[in-house]
Amino acid sequence: MDACLTVERDVDKVYTKFQQIASHTQKTLEELIQHVKGISNELKEAPEDSELTPAQSLVVSQCTKKMKDSASYIGSNHKDLHSSVSKIGKVIDRNFMPDINALGQESNFDSPEKVNLINEVICEHFFRKGMLDIAEQLIDDAALQVDGTNKEPFIEINKILEALKARNLQPALQWAQIHREQLHAQHSSLEFKLHRLQFIELLRGGAANQQQILQYARNFGMFADGHSKELQIMMGSLLYLRQGIQNSPYSHLLDPINWLEICDVFTRDACSLLGLSVESPLCVSVQAGAIALPSLLNIKHVMQQRQVSGVWSSKDELPIEVDLGTDCRYHSIFACPILRQQSTDHNPPMRLICGHVISRDSLNKLISGNKVKCPYCPVEQSPSDARQIHF
């Protein structure tokens, strides 16, 4: 996406320059034409056999020079524009590298089991997005064995989301009431926010809904302990029911953003209840790959130029650090302070009896006889006293 925006900015710059040059050229040519016409009309008024006066010769000479200067200036602008247009191709090549096969590993697709796993991830993505017909077609084409019970939660969630987008809260309220105990165990405020939004929708009707609003307020009894401040604000808004909430200090309650927020809250809590991530794993993988791809292509190109491509041979570790941002961090990361390497399942972090933590590879390298001396303090211990740490 960033590459598209970068190219778009450069294209916009060239297009703006083109418009400016076109406008200036058109204006210059019109002025020259009018100037030449004026001189031509003046010369036609003179007798046919008469010679040009010194003043007329000077005017013609100046007109000729002006035409040459204008033609030279227009040509220079055209050359500059042509150069800018030519650079767009380089911008595209720089931002859209066509050869990404060098980073691929065919071993990821070398067995039917791995291909099926990838197809299942894609299929789940379509179920998440409510594209049920596409998912069903993929199941048929790839001969996947997908349990029908795995589809039902996604179908239900998408139906409720569609209802919320249409400002219909009833399906979501029914779902929240059915799963009230599980939501309460997760300290979710989804049900309260749904009732709050329904209360606000009744407020929009003004004084005509007064009796219905008071009746609906009884639903908030179970939420009094955890949402007292919000309930106070909602009850205070009733004082302005006759003059209209939109003309009161409580007009923020009618902000349309509440409907966008409730969709996000429902998606997050429903996915959490089902043991699913909020974001589609396929989307996260593609986004992470798009962020990391330029840096990996650059380092691969440098390695090929310096003929050290064998340096990058490990499948579990990248040759450089790629920062994907905090959104893509799902677990704790430990980097050994001795070897400067990130821990793995085969090289986990180990705690020494003094409390310092190093990797198992570092521990093995520090063994001298039957003792290990901590690299940070004078404490010595037996290698068997080190304990693996699980984050």
Protein backbone atom coordinates (compact mmCIF):
# COMPACT_ATOMS: atom_id res chain seq x y z
CA MET A 1 0.00 0.00 0.00
CA ASP A 2 2.84 2.37 0.86
CA ALA A 3 4.42 1.64 -2.53
CA CYS A 4 1.16 2.55 -4.29
CA LEU A 5 0.94 5.82 -2.37
CA THR A 6 4.56 6.68 -3.17
CA VAL A 7 4.04 6.12 -6.90
CA GLU A 8 0.75 8.02 -6.78
CA ARG A 9 2.46 11.04 -5.21
CA ASP A 10 5.11 11.11 -7.94
CA VAL A 11 2.48 10.73 -10.67
CA ASP A 12 0.48 13.60 -9.14
CA LYS A 13 3.61 15.81 -9.16
CA VAL A 14 4.21 15.09 -12.85
CA TYR A 15 0.54 15.67 -13.70
CA THR A 16 0.57 19.00 -11.83
CA LYS A 17 3.72 20.03 -13.68
CA PHE A 18 2.12 19.02 -16.99
CA GLN A 19 -0.93 21.17 -16.29
CA GLN A 20 1.21 24.16 -15.31
CA ILE A 21 3.40 23.88 -18.44
CA ALA A 22 0.36 23.37 -20.69
CA SER A 23 -1.37 26.43 -19.24
CA HIS A 24 1.76 28.60 -19.51
CA THR A 25 2.51 27.40 -23.07
CA GLN A 26 -1.06 28.11 -24.19
CA LYS A 27 -0.91 31.60 -22.72
CA THR A 28 2.50 32.32 -24.29
CA LEU A 29 1.38 31.15 -27.75
CA GLU A 30 -1.81 33.24 -27.61
CA GLU A 31 0.21 36.33 -26.70
CA LEU A 32 2.67 35.70 -29.56
CA ILE A 33 -0.14 35.21 -32.06
CA GLN A 34 -1.81 38.45 -31.02
CA HIS A 35 1.53 40.29 -31.17
CA VAL A 36 2.31 38.98 -34.67
CA LYS A 37 -1.20 39.82 -35.88
CA GLY A 38 -0.80 43.37 -34.56
CA ILE A 39 2.50 43.84 -36.43
CA SER A 40 1.00 42.29 -39.59
CA ASN A 41 -1.98 44.66 -39.55
CA GLU A 42 0.34 47.63 -39.02
CA LEU A 43 2.51 46.65 -42.01
CA LYS A 44 -0.55 46.18 -44.24
CA GLU A 45 -1.55 49.81 -43.68
CA ALA A 46 1.77 51.03 -45.15
CA PRO A 47 2.08 51.59 -48.97
CA GLU A 48 3.15 48.49 -50.91
CA ASP A 49 6.29 50.02 -52.43
CA SER A 50 7.46 51.74 -49.25
CA GLU A 51 10.39 50.41 -47.29
CA LEU A 52 10.31 49.55 -43.58
CA THR A 53 11.10 52.45 -41.36
CA PRO A 54 13.82 52.05 -38.71
CA ALA A 55 11.11 51.82 -36.05
CA GLN A 56 9.24 49.10 -37.95
CA SER A 57 12.46 47.14 -38.53
CA LEU A 58 13.18 47.30 -34.80
CA VAL A 59 9.67 46.05 -33.97
CA VAL A 60 10.00 43.11 -36.38
CA SER A 61 13.44 42.28 -35.02
CA GLN A 62 12.18 42.34 -31.45
CA CYS A 63 9.20 40.17 -32.42
CA THR A 64 11.52 37.61 -34.05
CA LYS A 65 13.73 37.50 -30.96
CA LYS A 66 10.69 37.10 -28.71
CA MET A 67 9.44 34.19 -30.81
CA LYS A 68 12.84 32.45 -30.68
CA ASP A 69 13.08 32.95 -26.89
CA SER A 70 9.56 31.62 -26.37
CA ALA A 71 10.21 28.59 -28.59
CA SER A 72 13.42 27.88 -26.67
CA TYR A 73 11.62 28.23 -23.30
CA ILE A 74 8.76 25.93 -24.40
CA GLY A 75 11.26 23.38 -25.68
CA SER A 76 13.15 23.48 -22.37
CA ASN A 77 9.92 22.92 -20.43
CA HIS A 78 9.00 20.02 -22.70
CA LYS A 79 12.42 18.46 -22.15
CA ASP A 80 12.07 18.86 -18.38
CA LEU A 81 8.58 17.31 -18.49
CA HIS A 82 9.83 14.41 -20.60
CA SER A 83 12.56 13.77 -18.01
CA SER A 84 10.00 13.77 -15.17
CA VAL A 85 7.77 11.32 -17.04
CA SER A 86 10.73 9.02 -17.65
CA LYS A 87 11.48 8.96 -13.92
CA ILE A 88 8.04 7.51 -13.16
CA GLY A 89 9.17 4.18 -14.59
CA LYS A 90 12.14 4.17 -12.22
CA VAL A 91 9.87 5.01 -9.28
CA ILE A 92 7.64 2.05 -10.18
CA ASP A 93 10.64 -0.27 -10.51
CA ARG A 94 11.99 0.93 -7.18
CA ASN A 95 8.73 0.44 -5.28
CA PHE A 96 7.41 -2.65 -7.07
CA MET A 97 10.19 -5.17 -7.30
CA PRO A 98 9.01 -7.84 -9.73
CA ASP A 99 11.42 -10.61 -8.77
CA ILE A 100 10.44 -11.93 -5.34
CA ASN A 101 11.10 -15.58 -6.13
CA ALA A 102 14.52 -15.30 -4.49
CA LEU A 103 12.82 -15.14 -1.08
CA GLY A 104 10.52 -18.08 -1.68
CA GLN A 105 11.02 -21.51 -0.16
CA GLU A 106 9.52 -24.31 -2.19
CA SER A 107 9.66 -26.58 0.85
CA ASN A 108 6.62 -24.72 2.19
CA PHE A 109 4.48 -26.29 -0.53
CA ASP A 110 6.23 -29.61 -1.09
CA SER A 111 3.55 -31.84 0.39
CA PRO A 112 -0.24 -32.22 0.04
CA GLU A 113 -0.63 -31.70 3.81
CA LYS A 114 0.95 -28.24 3.67
CA VAL A 115 -1.11 -27.27 0.63
CA ASN A 116 -4.27 -28.34 2.45
CA LEU A 117 -3.31 -26.26 5.49
CA ILE A 118 -2.86 -23.17 3.31
CA ASN A 119 -6.21 -23.80 1.60
CA GLU A 120 -7.88 -24.18 5.00
CA VAL A 121 -6.45 -20.82 6.15
CA ILE A 122 -7.76 -19.16 2.98
CA CYS A 123 -11.13 -20.86 3.45
CA GLU A 124 -11.37 -19.65 7.06
CA HIS A 125 -10.56 -16.11 5.87
CA PHE A 126 -13.52 -16.19 3.48
CA PHE A 127 -15.80 -17.48 6.24
CA ARG A 128 -14.63 -14.60 8.48
CA LYS A 129 -15.44 -12.05 5.79
CA GLY A 130 -18.87 -13.51 5.14
CA MET A 131 -17.93 -14.68 1.63
CA LEU A 132 -19.64 -18.01 2.14
CA ASP A 133 -20.19 -18.84 -1.54
CA ILE A 134 -16.47 -18.36 -2.31
CA ALA A 135 -15.49 -20.48 0.70
CA GLU A 136 -17.85 -23.28 -0.35
CA GLN A 137 -16.45 -23.22 -3.88
CA LEU A 138 -12.90 -23.44 -2.53
CA ILE A 139 -13.90 -26.42 -0.39
CA ASP A 140 -15.22 -28.20 -3.48
CA ASP A 141 -12.28 -27.31 -5.74
CA ALA A 142 -9.60 -28.18 -3.16
CA ALA A 143 -11.48 -31.23 -1.82
CA LEU A 144 -11.19 -29.93 1.75
CA GLN A 145 -12.74 -31.72 4.70
CA VAL A 146 -14.35 -28.88 6.66
CA ASP A 147 -16.66 -29.70 9.56
CA GLY A 148 -20.01 -27.94 9.30
CA THR A 149 -19.79 -26.90 12.95
CA ASN A 150 -16.76 -24.75 12.06
CA LYS A 151 -18.84 -22.69 9.63
CA GLU A 152 -21.80 -21.91 11.89
CA PRO A 153 -20.05 -19.43 14.24
CA PHE A 154 -18.74 -17.39 11.30
CA ILE A 155 -22.17 -17.40 9.62
CA GLU A 156 -23.83 -16.22 12.84
CA ILE A 157 -21.23 -13.51 13.50
CA ASN A 158 -21.52 -12.12 9.97
CA LYS A 159 -25.33 -12.05 10.16
CA ILE A 160 -25.16 -10.09 13.42
CA LEU A 161 -22.58 -7.68 11.97
CA GLU A 162 -24.78 -7.08 8.93
CA ALA A 163 -27.68 -6.30 11.28
CA LEU A 164 -25.53 -3.88 13.28
CA LYS A 165 -24.49 -2.10 10.10
CA ALA A 166 -28.21 -1.72 9.34
CA ARG A 167 -28.66 -0.32 12.89
CA ASN A 168 -30.58 -3.35 14.10
CA LEU A 169 -29.45 -4.26 17.63
CA GLN A 170 -31.82 -7.15 18.35
CA PRO A 171 -29.71 -10.05 16.93
CA ALA A 172 -26.64 -8.82 18.82
CA LEU A 173 -28.63 -8.39 22.05
CA GLN A 174 -30.03 -11.91 21.78
CA TRP A 175 -26.54 -13.31 21.18
CA ALA A 176 -25.12 -11.37 24.16
CA GLN A 177 -27.90 -12.61 26.45
CA ILE A 178 -27.34 -16.23 25.42
CA HIS A 179 -23.59 -15.92 26.10
CA ARG A 180 -23.94 -13.64 29.16
CA GLU A 181 -22.01 -15.89 31.54
CA GLN A 182 -19.06 -16.37 29.16
CA LEU A 183 -18.94 -12.63 28.41
CA HIS A 184 -19.06 -11.81 32.12
CA ALA A 185 -16.18 -14.21 32.75
CA GLN A 186 -14.16 -12.25 30.18
CA HIS A 187 -15.12 -8.95 31.85
CA SER A 188 -16.83 -7.90 28.61
CA SER A 189 -19.07 -4.81 28.52
CA LEU A 190 -20.68 -5.78 25.20
CA GLU A 191 -24.19 -6.33 26.55
CA PHE A 192 -24.19 -3.02 28.43
CA LYS A 193 -22.99 -1.13 25.34
CA LEU A 194 -25.71 -2.73 23.22
CA HIS A 195 -28.41 -1.71 25.72
CA ARG A 196 -26.86 1.75 25.96
CA LEU A 197 -27.00 2.17 22.19
CA GLN A 198 -30.64 1.02 22.13
CA PHE A 199 -31.41 3.55 24.89
CA ILE A 200 -29.76 6.31 22.80
CA GLU A 201 -31.82 5.35 19.76
CA LEU A 202 -34.96 5.78 21.86
CA LEU A 203 -33.68 9.21 22.96
CA ARG A 204 -33.63 10.29 19.30
CA GLY A 205 -37.43 10.05 19.27
CA GLY A 206 -37.71 12.82 21.84
CA ALA A 207 -40.53 13.27 24.34
CA ALA A 208 -42.82 10.97 22.34
CA ASN A 209 -40.73 8.01 23.55
CA GLN A 210 -40.57 9.11 27.19
CA GLN A 211 -42.64 6.24 28.58
CA GLN A 212 -40.77 3.67 26.47
CA ILE A 213 -37.39 5.12 27.54
CA LEU A 214 -38.25 4.87 31.25
CA GLN A 215 -39.46 1.33 30.73
CA TYR A 216 -36.28 0.35 28.89
CA ALA A 217 -34.07 1.88 31.62
CA ARG A 218 -34.96 -1.10 33.84
CA ASN A 219 -32.53 -3.19 31.75
CA PHE A 220 -29.61 -1.34 33.33
CA GLY A 221 -30.18 -2.62 36.88
CA MET A 222 -27.61 -5.42 36.48
CA PHE A 223 -24.97 -2.95 35.21
CA ALA A 224 -25.25 -0.40 38.04
CA ASP A 225 -22.06 -1.44 39.84
CA GLY A 226 -19.68 -1.42 36.90
CA HIS A 227 -21.07 1.46 34.81
CA SER A 228 -22.43 3.97 37.33
CA LYS A 229 -20.79 7.00 35.68
CA GLU A 230 -22.19 6.19 32.24
CA LEU A 231 -25.63 5.51 33.70
CA GLN A 232 -25.59 8.91 35.40
CA ILE A 233 -24.90 10.58 32.07
CA MET A 234 -27.70 8.63 30.36
CA MET A 235 -30.22 9.49 33.07
CA GLY A 236 -29.11 13.14 33.03
CA SER A 237 -29.90 13.36 29.32
CA LEU A 238 -33.58 12.78 30.12
CA LEU A 239 -33.79 16.35 31.46
CA TYR A 240 -33.35 17.64 27.89
CA LEU A 241 -35.75 15.20 26.27
CA ARG A 242 -38.34 17.82 25.35
CA GLN A 243 -35.95 20.36 23.84
CA GLY A 244 -34.02 17.66 21.99
CA ILE A 245 -30.82 15.84 22.96
CA GLN A 246 -29.05 17.28 19.90
CA ASN A 247 -29.40 20.77 21.44
CA SER A 248 -28.15 19.76 24.88
CA PRO A 249 -24.80 19.14 26.62
CA TYR A 250 -25.46 15.43 25.93
CA SER A 251 -25.41 15.76 22.14
CA HIS A 252 -22.25 13.58 22.04
CA LEU A 253 -24.48 10.58 22.78
CA LEU A 254 -25.86 10.84 19.24
CA ASP A 255 -22.44 10.63 17.59
CA PRO A 256 -22.60 8.09 14.69
CA ILE A 257 -19.20 6.73 15.75
CA ASN A 258 -21.03 4.73 18.44
CA TRP A 259 -22.28 2.37 15.72
CA LEU A 260 -18.78 1.82 14.38
CA GLU A 261 -17.45 1.14 17.86
CA ILE A 262 -20.15 -1.41 18.68
CA CYS A 263 -19.22 -3.40 15.55
CA ASP A 264 -15.59 -3.51 16.69
CA VAL A 265 -16.53 -4.44 20.26
CA PHE A 266 -18.83 -7.24 19.09
CA THR A 267 -16.22 -8.64 16.68
CA ARG A 268 -13.51 -8.60 19.34
CA ASP A 269 -15.63 -10.23 22.06
CA ALA A 270 -17.24 -12.80 19.74
CA CYS A 271 -13.85 -13.88 18.38
CA SER A 272 -12.44 -14.06 21.90
CA LEU A 273 -15.38 -16.21 22.98
CA LEU A 274 -14.74 -18.61 20.09
CA GLY A 275 -10.99 -18.71 20.75
CA LEU A 276 -10.20 -16.86 17.53
CA SER A 277 -8.00 -13.89 16.78
CA VAL A 278 -9.79 -10.63 15.97
CA GLU A 279 -7.85 -10.23 12.73
CA SER A 280 -7.79 -12.89 10.06
CA PRO A 281 -4.49 -14.83 10.23
CA LEU A 282 -4.27 -14.60 6.45
CA CYS A 283 -4.58 -10.80 6.53
CA VAL A 284 -1.97 -10.51 9.28
CA SER A 285 0.44 -12.75 7.36
CA VAL A 286 0.01 -10.81 4.12
CA GLN A 287 0.44 -7.46 5.88
CA ALA A 288 3.54 -8.65 7.72
CA GLY A 289 4.99 -9.99 4.47
CA ALA A 290 4.30 -6.73 2.67
CA ILE A 291 6.12 -4.79 5.40
CA ALA A 292 9.09 -7.14 5.52
CA LEU A 293 9.44 -7.82 1.78
CA PRO A 294 11.31 -4.62 0.72
CA SER A 295 13.94 -4.99 3.47
CA LEU A 296 14.45 -8.68 2.74
CA LEU A 297 14.76 -8.05 -0.99
CA ASN A 298 17.37 -5.35 -0.35
CA ILE A 299 19.49 -7.55 1.91
CA LYS A 300 19.18 -10.44 -0.53
CA HIS A 301 20.38 -8.18 -3.36
CA VAL A 302 23.34 -6.99 -1.26
CA MET A 303 24.27 -10.58 -0.41
CA GLN A 304 24.19 -11.59 -4.07
CA GLN A 305 26.37 -8.63 -5.05
CA ARG A 306 28.96 -9.49 -2.38
CA GLN A 307 28.65 -13.21 -3.12
CA VAL A 308 27.80 -14.13 0.46
CA SER A 309 24.34 -15.57 -0.19
CA GLY A 310 25.21 -18.61 1.95
CA VAL A 311 25.09 -16.45 5.09
CA TRP A 312 21.29 -16.56 5.02
CA SER A 313 20.69 -20.27 5.36
CA SER A 314 18.63 -20.52 8.52
CA LYS A 315 14.87 -20.96 8.07
CA ASP A 316 14.02 -19.91 11.62
CA GLU A 317 15.91 -16.62 11.72
CA LEU A 318 16.03 -13.61 9.41
CA PRO A 319 19.35 -12.03 8.43
CA ILE A 320 18.17 -8.62 9.66
CA GLU A 321 15.68 -7.32 12.18
CA VAL A 322 12.33 -6.37 10.65
CA ASP A 323 10.11 -4.16 12.79
CA LEU A 324 6.46 -5.06 12.13
CA GLY A 325 5.14 -2.73 14.83
CA THR A 326 3.41 -3.49 18.10
CA ASP A 327 0.28 -4.81 16.35
CA CYS A 328 2.17 -7.89 15.20
CA ARG A 329 3.61 -8.86 18.58
CA TYR A 330 1.82 -11.85 20.05
CA HIS A 331 4.33 -13.29 22.53
CA SER A 332 7.33 -12.36 24.63
CA ILE A 333 10.71 -12.24 22.90
CA PHE A 334 14.02 -13.02 24.56
CA ALA A 335 17.35 -12.19 22.91
CA CYS A 336 20.46 -13.65 24.49
CA PRO A 337 22.67 -10.81 25.83
CA ILE A 338 25.78 -12.91 25.12
CA LEU A 339 25.25 -14.23 21.58
CA ARG A 340 22.80 -11.50 20.57
CA GLN A 341 20.45 -14.12 19.14
CA GLN A 342 16.72 -14.53 19.64
CA SER A 343 15.79 -17.64 21.60
CA THR A 344 14.12 -20.60 19.85
CA ASP A 345 12.60 -23.93 20.90
CA HIS A 346 16.02 -25.53 20.46
CA ASN A 347 17.86 -22.65 22.15
CA PRO A 348 15.57 -21.50 24.99
CA PRO A 349 16.39 -18.96 27.73
CA MET A 350 18.00 -20.43 30.84
CA ARG A 351 17.96 -18.90 34.33
CA LEU A 352 21.12 -19.15 36.42
CA ILE A 353 20.93 -19.48 40.20
CA CYS A 354 22.01 -15.83 40.53
CA GLY A 355 18.94 -14.71 38.54
CA HIS A 356 20.65 -13.74 35.30
CA VAL A 357 19.21 -15.23 32.09
CA ILE A 358 21.16 -16.36 29.03
CA SER A 359 20.46 -18.75 26.16
CA ARG A 360 21.23 -22.47 26.29
CA ASP A 361 23.90 -22.10 23.60
CA SER A 362 25.63 -19.44 25.70
CA LEU A 363 25.40 -21.68 28.76
CA ASN A 364 27.09 -24.54 26.89
CA LYS A 365 29.87 -22.26 25.65
CA LEU A 366 30.55 -20.96 29.17
CA ILE A 367 30.98 -24.41 30.72
CA SER A 368 34.49 -24.88 32.09
CA GLY A 369 34.98 -28.30 33.58
CA ASN A 370 31.88 -28.92 35.68
CA LYS A 371 31.24 -25.28 36.52
CA VAL A 372 29.67 -22.27 34.85
CA LYS A 373 30.60 -18.75 35.88
CA CYS A 374 27.93 -16.13 35.35
CA PRO A 375 29.13 -13.54 32.80
CA TYR A 376 27.56 -10.73 34.84
CA CYS A 377 28.48 -11.59 38.43
CA PRO A 378 31.08 -13.76 40.23
CA VAL A 379 28.59 -16.56 41.08
CA GLU A 380 29.57 -20.06 39.96
CA GLN A 381 27.21 -23.00 39.61
CA SER A 382 26.78 -26.42 38.10
CA PRO A 383 25.30 -26.41 34.55
CA SER A 384 22.51 -28.70 35.75
CA ASP A 385 21.33 -26.00 38.19
CA ALA A 386 20.20 -23.76 35.29
CA ARG A 387 16.45 -23.81 34.70
CA GLN A 388 14.62 -23.19 31.46
CA ILE A 389 12.30 -20.17 31.47
CA HIS A 390 8.93 -20.20 29.73
CA PHE A 391 7.47 -16.77 28.83
